[in-house]
Protein backbone atom coordinates (compact mmCIF):
# COMPACT_ATOMS: atom_id res chain seq x y z
CA MET A 1 -47.13 -101.48 -87.11
CA PHE A 2 -44.38 -103.20 -89.07
CA LEU A 3 -43.19 -102.35 -92.57
CA ASP A 4 -41.25 -104.84 -94.61
CA LEU A 5 -38.97 -102.59 -96.67
CA THR A 6 -37.35 -105.57 -98.38
CA SER A 7 -40.51 -106.11 -100.38
CA LEU A 8 -40.30 -102.71 -102.11
CA LYS A 9 -40.23 -103.38 -105.84
CA TYR A 10 -38.43 -100.18 -106.89
CA ASN A 11 -34.79 -100.11 -107.95
CA ASN A 12 -34.44 -96.31 -108.05
CA LEU A 13 -36.26 -93.27 -106.78
CA ASP A 14 -37.67 -92.26 -110.16
CA GLU A 15 -39.70 -95.48 -110.35
CA CYS A 16 -41.70 -94.53 -107.24
CA GLU A 17 -45.13 -93.14 -107.99
CA THR A 18 -46.08 -91.41 -104.72
CA ASP A 19 -44.27 -89.41 -102.04
CA LEU A 20 -44.94 -92.23 -99.57
CA GLU A 21 -43.23 -94.72 -101.88
CA ARG A 22 -40.30 -92.30 -102.32
CA CYS A 23 -40.03 -91.88 -98.56
CA LEU A 24 -40.00 -95.64 -98.01
CA PHE A 25 -37.46 -96.10 -100.80
CA LEU A 26 -35.20 -93.47 -99.22
CA THR A 27 -35.56 -95.07 -95.78
CA LYS A 28 -34.47 -98.39 -97.24
CA ASN A 29 -31.66 -97.09 -99.49
CA MET A 30 -30.36 -93.88 -97.92
CA GLU A 31 -27.16 -95.47 -96.63
CA LYS A 32 -26.26 -96.62 -100.15
CA MET A 33 -26.89 -93.26 -101.79
CA LYS A 34 -23.85 -91.09 -102.43
CA GLU A 35 -25.72 -87.77 -102.75
CA LYS A 36 -29.11 -86.17 -102.26
CA PRO A 37 -31.59 -86.68 -105.10
CA LYS A 38 -31.62 -83.36 -106.97
CA ASP A 39 -35.17 -83.61 -108.32
CA TYR A 40 -36.72 -84.08 -104.88
CA PRO A 41 -35.95 -81.02 -102.68
CA MET A 42 -38.68 -82.13 -100.27
CA PHE A 43 -36.21 -84.68 -98.86
CA ASP A 44 -33.37 -82.20 -98.18
CA GLU A 45 -34.20 -81.98 -94.47
CA LEU A 46 -34.24 -85.76 -94.21
CA PHE A 47 -30.72 -85.96 -95.67
CA ASP A 48 -29.54 -83.10 -93.46
CA ALA A 49 -30.85 -84.93 -90.40
CA ALA A 50 -29.09 -88.11 -91.52
CA ASP A 51 -25.84 -86.18 -91.97
CA ILE A 52 -26.18 -84.72 -88.46
CA SER A 53 -26.81 -88.12 -86.94
CA HIS A 54 -23.37 -89.26 -88.14
CA MET A 55 -21.57 -86.28 -86.59
CA VAL A 56 -19.69 -86.34 -83.32
CA ASN A 57 -20.85 -83.98 -80.58
CA GLU A 58 -18.38 -81.21 -81.44
CA GLU A 59 -19.48 -81.26 -85.08
CA VAL A 60 -23.15 -81.10 -84.06
CA VAL A 61 -22.45 -78.05 -81.89
CA LYS A 62 -20.55 -76.32 -84.72
CA TYR A 63 -23.29 -77.22 -87.19
CA SER A 64 -25.98 -75.89 -84.85
CA GLU A 65 -24.03 -72.68 -84.29
CA SER A 66 -23.59 -72.17 -88.03
CA ARG A 67 -27.34 -72.75 -88.59
CA MET A 68 -28.16 -70.22 -85.85
CA LYS A 69 -25.73 -67.72 -87.40
CA LEU A 70 -27.34 -68.27 -90.79
CA GLU A 71 -30.81 -67.65 -89.33
CA GLU A 72 -29.56 -64.52 -87.54
CA ASP A 73 -28.04 -63.26 -90.78
CA ARG A 74 -31.28 -63.92 -92.67
CA ALA A 75 -33.30 -62.13 -89.98
CA GLY A 76 -30.83 -59.24 -90.03
CA MET A 77 -31.03 -58.91 -93.81
CA GLU A 78 -34.82 -59.04 -93.65
CA TYR A 79 -34.86 -56.37 -90.94
CA TYR A 80 -32.36 -54.21 -92.86
CA GLY A 81 -34.47 -54.56 -96.00
CA GLN A 82 -37.54 -53.51 -94.04
CA LEU A 83 -35.67 -50.48 -92.66
CA GLN A 84 -34.54 -49.52 -96.16
CA HIS A 85 -38.13 -49.86 -97.41
CA GLU A 86 -39.44 -47.68 -94.58
CA GLU A 87 -36.68 -45.12 -95.20
CA GLY A 88 -37.62 -45.08 -98.88
CA LEU A 89 -41.29 -44.52 -98.01
CA LYS A 90 -40.35 -41.72 -95.61
CA GLU A 91 -38.17 -40.07 -98.24
CA GLY A 92 -40.94 -40.45 -100.82
CA ARG A 93 -43.49 -38.84 -98.51
CA LYS A 94 -41.08 -36.00 -97.75
CA GLU A 95 -40.48 -35.43 -101.47
CA GLY A 96 -44.23 -35.64 -102.11
CA ARG A 97 -44.98 -33.04 -99.44
CA LYS A 98 -42.29 -30.78 -100.84
CA GLU A 99 -43.70 -31.15 -104.35
CA GLY A 100 -47.23 -30.64 -103.00
CA ARG A 101 -46.23 -27.41 -101.26
CA LYS A 102 -44.58 -26.20 -104.44
CA GLU A 103 -47.72 -26.99 -106.45
CA GLY A 104 -49.88 -25.38 -103.77
CA ARG A 105 -47.85 -22.18 -103.82
CA LYS A 106 -48.01 -22.10 -107.60
CA GLU A 107 -51.79 -22.63 -107.53
CA GLY A 108 -52.11 -19.95 -104.84
CA GLU A 109 -50.09 -17.49 -106.92
CA HIS A 110 -52.27 -18.21 -109.96
CA SER A 111 -55.40 -17.79 -107.88
CA MET A 112 -54.22 -14.43 -106.54
CA LEU A 113 -53.14 -13.31 -110.01
CA ARG A 114 -56.53 -14.38 -111.42
CA GLU A 115 -58.35 -12.30 -108.78
CA ASN A 116 -56.15 -9.24 -109.43
CA VAL A 117 -56.61 -9.50 -113.20
CA LYS A 118 -60.42 -9.72 -112.73
CA LYS A 119 -60.35 -6.61 -110.51
CA MET A 120 -58.30 -4.71 -113.09
CA LEU A 121 -60.69 -5.78 -115.85
CA ASN A 122 -63.59 -4.55 -113.69
CA PHE A 123 -61.84 -1.16 -113.47
CA GLY A 124 -61.93 -1.03 -117.28
CA MET A 125 -58.32 -1.95 -118.06
CA SER A 126 -57.72 -4.00 -121.20
CA ILE A 127 -56.03 -7.41 -121.00
CA GLN A 128 -53.16 -5.96 -123.08
CA ASP A 129 -52.58 -3.13 -120.57
CA ILE A 130 -52.75 -5.55 -117.62
CA ALA A 131 -50.22 -7.82 -119.36
CA LYS A 132 -47.83 -4.88 -119.85
CA VAL A 133 -48.15 -3.77 -116.20
CA LEU A 134 -47.73 -7.27 -114.71
CA GLY A 135 -45.18 -8.58 -117.24
CA TYR A 136 -47.20 -11.54 -118.51
CA SER A 137 -48.38 -12.41 -121.99
CA ASP A 138 -51.94 -11.63 -123.10
CA SER A 139 -52.63 -15.31 -123.78
CA PHE A 140 -51.44 -16.39 -120.33
CA LEU A 141 -53.64 -13.86 -118.53
CA SER A 142 -56.59 -14.76 -120.77
CA SER A 143 -56.13 -18.44 -119.88
CA LEU A 144 -56.33 -17.60 -116.15
CA CYS A 145 -59.66 -15.87 -116.48
């Protein structure tokens, strides 16, 4: 297949209507362009590849090493973020268990107190006398039963 790029009717990238037309325009005019088109990030890789093709071998090696370092850094940050997230979840679970135990003990104490108050009431003690003996208010003991 042969494409005649000289017959393209567009004078600038913004006149192109489709991505194919933009791609053909860039293929024809890339050498003349001073910078990447800002409104078309889809062509960034194309410009990067063109920049690399003009590098000498040593520059290509350095560029490749810097890209690999960048990818390693990104992967490291992603991994570190995942570790931090997992540590946060672990800490949250630990705090939740601690709070749950505290609530459970409190509920257990209330349950035991409720049973003891019922027994004392069954022995004929008044709620006022039970409150005095146990050191709680009448209203609190009444709310338990």
